[in-house]
C-alpha cells in the first residue's frame, strides 16, 4: 500500500468531472423518482375520482323512504370517505387535491340536501 505522500492526487479538472458525473446521476435518479410519484399520484386521483362518481350515482338513487337513522348512517359513511381521502391526499400530496376536495364537498352537499330535506 503506498504511503499518503506517494498517492497520486486528482487534478482539479478530474475532481470537477467526477463531481459533475455524481450530480448528473443524482439528478437523473431524482427525475425517475419524481416521474414514478407523478404516475402513481395520477393513478390514485383516477381511483378517487371514480369513487366520487360512484358516490354521486348512488346519491341519485336514494329512496326518500329511508329512516332518519339510515340517512344518518349514510352521512356518517360519507364523512368517513372524506377522512380517508384527506389521508390519501396527505400521503401523496397530489397537485390535483383541490379538485378532489371540491368534488367531495359537492357530493357531501348533495348528500346533506337529501338527509336534511
N, C-alpha and C. Protein backbone atom coordinates (compact mmCIF):
# COMPACT_ATOMS: atom_id res chain seq x y z
N UNK A 1 0.85 -1.17 0.00
CA UNK A 1 0.00 0.00 0.00
C UNK A 1 0.89 1.24 0.00
N UNK A 2 0.65 2.13 -0.95
CA UNK A 2 1.52 3.31 -0.99
C UNK A 2 1.23 4.25 0.17
N UNK A 3 2.24 4.95 0.57
CA UNK A 3 2.05 5.92 1.65
C UNK A 3 1.29 7.12 1.11
N UNK A 4 0.64 7.90 1.99
CA UNK A 4 -0.12 9.06 1.53
C UNK A 4 0.72 10.03 0.70
N UNK A 5 1.98 10.10 1.00
CA UNK A 5 2.84 11.01 0.25
C UNK A 5 2.99 10.56 -1.20
N UNK A 6 2.84 9.26 -1.46
CA UNK A 6 3.01 8.72 -2.82
C UNK A 6 1.69 8.46 -3.53
N UNK A 7 0.57 8.75 -2.88
CA UNK A 7 -0.74 8.55 -3.50
C UNK A 7 -0.93 9.64 -4.55
N UNK A 8 -1.26 9.23 -5.80
CA UNK A 8 -1.44 10.26 -6.83
C UNK A 8 -2.65 11.13 -6.50
N UNK A 9 -2.49 12.40 -6.67
CA UNK A 9 -3.56 13.36 -6.39
C UNK A 9 -4.35 13.60 -7.67
N UNK A 10 -5.67 13.74 -7.51
CA UNK A 10 -6.51 14.07 -8.66
C UNK A 10 -6.35 15.55 -8.97
N UNK A 11 -6.40 15.83 -10.24
CA UNK A 11 -6.32 17.24 -10.65
C UNK A 11 -7.67 17.90 -10.40
N UNK A 12 -7.69 19.22 -10.31
CA UNK A 12 -8.98 19.91 -10.15
C UNK A 12 -9.97 19.57 -11.27
N UNK A 13 -9.48 19.40 -12.47
CA UNK A 13 -10.37 19.06 -13.60
C UNK A 13 -10.98 17.68 -13.39
N UNK A 14 -10.17 16.72 -12.88
CA UNK A 14 -10.69 15.37 -12.62
C UNK A 14 -11.73 15.40 -11.48
N UNK A 15 -11.45 16.17 -10.46
CA UNK A 15 -12.39 16.30 -9.35
C UNK A 15 -13.70 16.92 -9.84
N UNK A 16 -13.59 17.96 -10.64
CA UNK A 16 -14.78 18.63 -11.17
C UNK A 16 -15.58 17.69 -12.06
N UNK A 17 -14.89 16.94 -12.92
CA UNK A 17 -15.58 15.99 -13.81
C UNK A 17 -16.27 14.91 -13.00
N UNK A 18 -15.61 14.42 -11.95
CA UNK A 18 -16.22 13.40 -11.10
C UNK A 18 -17.44 13.94 -10.37
N UNK A 19 -17.34 15.15 -9.87
CA UNK A 19 -18.48 15.77 -9.19
C UNK A 19 -19.63 15.98 -10.15
N UNK A 20 -19.32 16.42 -11.38
CA UNK A 20 -20.37 16.60 -12.38
C UNK A 20 -21.07 15.28 -12.68
N UNK A 21 -20.30 14.19 -12.75
CA UNK A 21 -20.89 12.87 -13.00
C UNK A 21 -21.82 12.45 -11.88
N UNK A 22 -21.40 12.70 -10.64
CA UNK A 22 -22.24 12.36 -9.48
C UNK A 22 -23.51 13.20 -9.50
N UNK A 23 -23.38 14.49 -9.77
CA UNK A 23 -24.56 15.36 -9.82
C UNK A 23 -25.52 14.91 -10.92
N UNK A 24 -24.98 14.53 -12.08
CA UNK A 24 -25.82 14.04 -13.17
C UNK A 24 -26.58 12.78 -12.76
N UNK A 25 -25.90 11.87 -12.07
CA UNK A 25 -26.56 10.63 -11.62
C UNK A 25 -27.65 10.94 -10.60
N UNK A 26 -27.37 11.83 -9.67
CA UNK A 26 -28.38 12.21 -8.66
C UNK A 26 -29.58 12.86 -9.33
N UNK A 27 -29.32 13.77 -10.27
CA UNK A 27 -30.40 14.45 -10.98
C UNK A 27 -31.26 13.46 -11.76
N UNK A 28 -30.61 12.53 -12.46
CA UNK A 28 -31.36 11.52 -13.22
C UNK A 28 -32.18 10.63 -12.28
N UNK A 29 -31.59 10.25 -11.16
CA UNK A 29 -32.32 9.43 -10.19
C UNK A 29 -33.51 10.17 -9.60
N UNK A 30 -33.31 11.44 -9.27
CA UNK A 30 -34.41 12.25 -8.73
C UNK A 30 -35.52 12.40 -9.76
N UNK A 31 -35.16 12.58 -11.03
CA UNK A 31 -36.17 12.71 -12.09
C UNK A 31 -36.98 11.43 -12.22
N UNK A 32 -36.30 10.27 -12.11
CA UNK A 32 -37.03 8.99 -12.19
C UNK A 32 -37.99 8.84 -11.01
N UNK A 33 -37.55 9.22 -9.82
CA UNK A 33 -38.42 9.13 -8.64
C UNK A 33 -39.62 10.06 -8.79
N UNK A 34 -39.38 11.28 -9.25
CA UNK A 34 -40.49 12.23 -9.45
C UNK A 34 -41.47 11.70 -10.48
N UNK A 35 -40.95 11.10 -11.57
CA UNK A 35 -41.84 10.53 -12.59
C UNK A 35 -42.69 9.41 -12.00
N UNK A 36 -42.09 8.55 -11.18
CA UNK A 36 -42.84 7.46 -10.57
C UNK A 36 -43.90 7.99 -9.61
N UNK A 37 -43.56 8.99 -8.82
CA UNK A 37 -44.54 9.58 -7.90
C UNK A 37 -45.67 10.22 -8.67
N UNK A 38 -45.34 10.95 -9.74
CA UNK A 38 -46.36 11.62 -10.55
C UNK A 38 -47.29 10.59 -11.18
N UNK A 39 -46.71 9.52 -11.74
CA UNK A 39 -47.54 8.47 -12.34
C UNK A 39 -48.43 7.81 -11.29
N UNK A 40 -47.87 7.53 -10.11
CA UNK A 40 -48.65 6.92 -9.04
C UNK A 40 -49.75 7.83 -8.54
N UNK A 41 -49.44 9.12 -8.40
CA UNK A 41 -50.45 10.08 -7.93
C UNK A 41 -51.59 10.18 -8.92
N UNK A 42 -51.27 10.13 -10.22
CA UNK A 42 -52.34 10.19 -11.23
C UNK A 42 -53.26 8.98 -11.09
N UNK A 43 -52.68 7.82 -10.84
CA UNK A 43 -53.50 6.62 -10.64
C UNK A 43 -54.39 6.73 -9.42
N UNK A 44 -53.85 7.30 -8.35
CA UNK A 44 -54.63 7.49 -7.13
C UNK A 44 -55.77 8.45 -7.40
N UNK A 45 -55.48 9.54 -8.12
CA UNK A 45 -56.52 10.52 -8.43
C UNK A 45 -57.62 9.89 -9.28
N UNK A 46 -57.24 9.03 -10.24
CA UNK A 46 -58.25 8.36 -11.06
C UNK A 46 -59.16 7.50 -10.19
N UNK A 47 -58.57 6.77 -9.24
CA UNK A 47 -59.37 5.93 -8.35
C UNK A 47 -60.29 6.77 -7.47
N UNK A 48 -59.77 7.86 -6.95
CA UNK A 48 -60.60 8.74 -6.10
C UNK A 48 -61.75 9.32 -6.92
N UNK A 49 -61.44 9.80 -8.12
CA UNK A 49 -62.49 10.38 -8.97
C UNK A 49 -63.55 9.35 -9.32
N UNK A 50 -63.12 8.11 -9.61
CA UNK A 50 -64.09 7.06 -9.91
C UNK A 50 -64.97 6.79 -8.69
N UNK A 51 -64.37 6.79 -7.50
CA UNK A 51 -65.15 6.59 -6.27
C UNK A 51 -66.15 7.71 -6.04
N UNK A 52 -65.72 8.94 -6.29
CA UNK A 52 -66.62 10.08 -6.14
C UNK A 52 -67.78 9.97 -7.13
N UNK A 53 -67.47 9.58 -8.36
CA UNK A 53 -68.53 9.40 -9.36
C UNK A 53 -69.52 8.32 -8.90
N UNK A 54 -68.99 7.24 -8.30
CA UNK A 54 -69.86 6.18 -7.80
C UNK A 54 -70.76 6.67 -6.68
N UNK A 55 -70.19 7.47 -5.77
CA UNK A 55 -70.99 8.03 -4.68
C UNK A 55 -72.08 8.94 -5.24
N UNK A 56 -71.71 9.76 -6.22
CA UNK A 56 -72.69 10.66 -6.84
C UNK A 56 -73.83 9.86 -7.47
N UNK A 57 -73.48 8.78 -8.16
CA UNK A 57 -74.52 7.94 -8.77
C UNK A 57 -75.43 7.32 -7.71
N UNK A 58 -74.84 6.89 -6.59
CA UNK A 58 -75.65 6.29 -5.52
C UNK A 58 -76.59 7.32 -4.90
N UNK A 59 -76.11 8.54 -4.73
CA UNK A 59 -76.94 9.59 -4.13
C UNK A 59 -78.19 9.80 -4.98
N UNK A 60 -78.03 9.74 -6.29
CA UNK A 60 -79.16 9.96 -7.19
C UNK A 60 -80.27 8.92 -6.98
N UNK A 61 -79.89 7.74 -6.48
CA UNK A 61 -80.87 6.66 -6.33
C UNK A 61 -81.38 6.49 -4.90
N UNK A 62 -81.06 7.44 -4.04
CA UNK A 62 -81.53 7.31 -2.65
C UNK A 62 -83.05 7.32 -2.60
N UNK A 63 -83.57 6.49 -1.76
CA UNK A 63 -85.02 6.37 -1.60
C UNK A 63 -85.46 7.33 -0.51
N UNK A 64 -86.47 8.13 -0.80
CA UNK A 64 -86.98 9.08 0.19
C UNK A 64 -87.62 8.36 1.39
N UNK A 65 -87.86 7.06 1.26
CA UNK A 65 -88.48 6.32 2.34
C UNK A 65 -87.50 5.83 3.39
N UNK A 66 -86.22 6.22 3.31
CA UNK A 66 -85.25 5.79 4.30
C UNK A 66 -85.56 6.44 5.65
N UNK A 67 -85.24 5.71 6.70
CA UNK A 67 -85.44 6.27 8.04
C UNK A 67 -84.35 7.31 8.34
N UNK A 68 -84.59 8.12 9.35
CA UNK A 68 -83.60 9.13 9.75
C UNK A 68 -82.29 8.45 10.15
N UNK A 69 -82.37 7.32 10.83
CA UNK A 69 -81.17 6.59 11.25
C UNK A 69 -80.38 6.10 10.03
N UNK A 70 -81.10 5.59 9.02
CA UNK A 70 -80.42 5.13 7.80
C UNK A 70 -79.74 6.30 7.08
N UNK A 71 -80.42 7.43 7.02
CA UNK A 71 -79.82 8.61 6.39
C UNK A 71 -78.60 9.09 7.18
N UNK A 72 -78.68 9.05 8.52
CA UNK A 72 -77.53 9.44 9.34
C UNK A 72 -76.35 8.50 9.12
N UNK A 73 -76.62 7.20 8.94
CA UNK A 73 -75.56 6.25 8.65
C UNK A 73 -74.90 6.56 7.31
N UNK A 74 -75.70 6.92 6.33
CA UNK A 74 -75.16 7.29 5.01
C UNK A 74 -74.27 8.52 5.15
N UNK A 75 -74.74 9.50 5.89
CA UNK A 75 -73.98 10.73 6.08
C UNK A 75 -72.66 10.45 6.82
N UNK A 76 -72.72 9.60 7.84
CA UNK A 76 -71.51 9.24 8.58
C UNK A 76 -70.53 8.50 7.67
N UNK A 77 -71.04 7.66 6.78
CA UNK A 77 -70.18 6.97 5.82
C UNK A 77 -69.50 7.94 4.88
N UNK A 78 -70.24 8.94 4.42
CA UNK A 78 -69.65 9.95 3.53
C UNK A 78 -68.57 10.74 4.27
N UNK A 79 -68.80 11.03 5.54
CA UNK A 79 -67.80 11.73 6.34
C UNK A 79 -66.54 10.87 6.48
N UNK A 80 -66.73 9.56 6.65
CA UNK A 80 -65.59 8.64 6.72
C UNK A 80 -64.82 8.60 5.42
N UNK A 81 -65.54 8.64 4.30
CA UNK A 81 -64.88 8.67 2.99
C UNK A 81 -64.02 9.93 2.89
N UNK A 82 -64.55 11.05 3.33
CA UNK A 82 -63.80 12.30 3.28
C UNK A 82 -62.53 12.19 4.11
N UNK A 83 -62.60 11.58 5.28
CA UNK A 83 -61.42 11.39 6.12
C UNK A 83 -60.37 10.54 5.40
N UNK A 84 -60.82 9.46 4.75
CA UNK A 84 -59.90 8.59 4.01
C UNK A 84 -59.23 9.35 2.88
N UNK A 85 -60.00 10.13 2.15
CA UNK A 85 -59.44 10.89 1.03
C UNK A 85 -58.42 11.90 1.53
N UNK A 86 -58.70 12.55 2.65
CA UNK A 86 -57.74 13.50 3.20
C UNK A 86 -56.43 12.81 3.56
N UNK A 87 -56.52 11.58 4.11
CA UNK A 87 -55.31 10.83 4.43
C UNK A 87 -54.52 10.51 3.17
N UNK A 88 -55.23 10.09 2.11
CA UNK A 88 -54.56 9.78 0.85
C UNK A 88 -53.90 11.03 0.29
N UNK A 89 -54.60 12.15 0.34
CA UNK A 89 -54.05 13.39 -0.20
C UNK A 89 -52.80 13.80 0.57
N UNK A 90 -52.81 13.64 1.89
CA UNK A 90 -51.63 13.99 2.67
C UNK A 90 -50.48 13.05 2.34
N UNK A 91 -50.80 11.77 2.09
CA UNK A 91 -49.75 10.80 1.79
C UNK A 91 -49.09 11.10 0.46
N UNK A 92 -49.88 11.41 -0.55
CA UNK A 92 -49.33 11.61 -1.89
C UNK A 92 -49.14 13.07 -2.24
N UNK A 93 -49.70 13.98 -1.46
CA UNK A 93 -49.58 15.42 -1.72
C UNK A 93 -49.83 15.71 -3.19
N UNK A 94 -50.92 15.19 -3.69
CA UNK A 94 -51.22 15.30 -5.12
C UNK A 94 -51.56 16.73 -5.51
N UNK A 95 -51.08 17.16 -6.68
CA UNK A 95 -51.34 18.51 -7.17
C UNK A 95 -52.82 18.73 -7.44
N UNK A 96 -53.55 17.69 -7.75
CA UNK A 96 -54.96 17.82 -8.10
C UNK A 96 -55.86 17.71 -6.88
N UNK A 97 -55.29 17.80 -5.70
CA UNK A 97 -56.09 17.58 -4.49
C UNK A 97 -57.22 18.59 -4.36
N UNK A 98 -57.03 19.81 -4.83
CA UNK A 98 -58.09 20.81 -4.75
C UNK A 98 -59.33 20.39 -5.50
N UNK A 99 -59.13 19.76 -6.65
CA UNK A 99 -60.26 19.28 -7.44
C UNK A 99 -61.01 18.19 -6.69
N UNK A 100 -60.29 17.30 -6.05
CA UNK A 100 -60.93 16.22 -5.31
C UNK A 100 -61.73 16.79 -4.14
N UNK A 101 -61.16 17.74 -3.43
CA UNK A 101 -61.87 18.35 -2.30
C UNK A 101 -63.15 19.01 -2.80
N UNK A 102 -63.06 19.71 -3.92
CA UNK A 102 -64.25 20.35 -4.47
C UNK A 102 -65.31 19.31 -4.81
N UNK A 103 -64.92 18.23 -5.48
CA UNK A 103 -65.90 17.22 -5.88
C UNK A 103 -66.51 16.54 -4.67
N UNK A 104 -65.69 16.23 -3.67
CA UNK A 104 -66.22 15.58 -2.47
C UNK A 104 -67.12 16.53 -1.69
N UNK A 105 -66.74 17.79 -1.62
CA UNK A 105 -67.58 18.77 -0.94
C UNK A 105 -68.93 18.87 -1.63
N UNK A 106 -68.90 18.86 -2.95
CA UNK A 106 -70.15 18.90 -3.70
C UNK A 106 -71.00 17.66 -3.39
N UNK A 107 -70.36 16.49 -3.38
CA UNK A 107 -71.10 15.25 -3.07
C UNK A 107 -71.70 15.32 -1.67
N UNK A 108 -70.92 15.82 -0.71
CA UNK A 108 -71.43 15.93 0.65
C UNK A 108 -72.57 16.95 0.72
N UNK A 109 -72.49 18.00 -0.07
CA UNK A 109 -73.57 18.98 -0.13
C UNK A 109 -74.85 18.32 -0.63
N UNK A 110 -74.73 17.54 -1.70
CA UNK A 110 -75.90 16.84 -2.25
C UNK A 110 -76.44 15.86 -1.22
N UNK A 111 -75.54 15.13 -0.57
CA UNK A 111 -75.97 14.16 0.43
C UNK A 111 -76.66 14.88 1.60
N UNK A 112 -76.14 16.02 2.01
CA UNK A 112 -76.76 16.79 3.09
C UNK A 112 -78.16 17.23 2.70
N UNK A 113 -78.32 17.61 1.45
CA UNK A 113 -79.64 18.03 0.98
C UNK A 113 -80.63 16.88 1.09
N UNK A 114 -80.17 15.67 0.81
CA UNK A 114 -81.05 14.50 0.90
C UNK A 114 -81.37 14.20 2.37
N UNK A 115 -80.35 14.27 3.22
CA UNK A 115 -80.52 13.92 4.63
C UNK A 115 -81.42 14.92 5.34
N UNK A 116 -81.24 16.20 5.09
CA UNK A 116 -81.94 17.21 5.85
C UNK A 116 -83.16 17.79 5.15
N UNK A 117 -83.47 17.28 3.98
CA UNK A 117 -84.64 17.79 3.25
C UNK A 117 -85.92 17.25 3.81
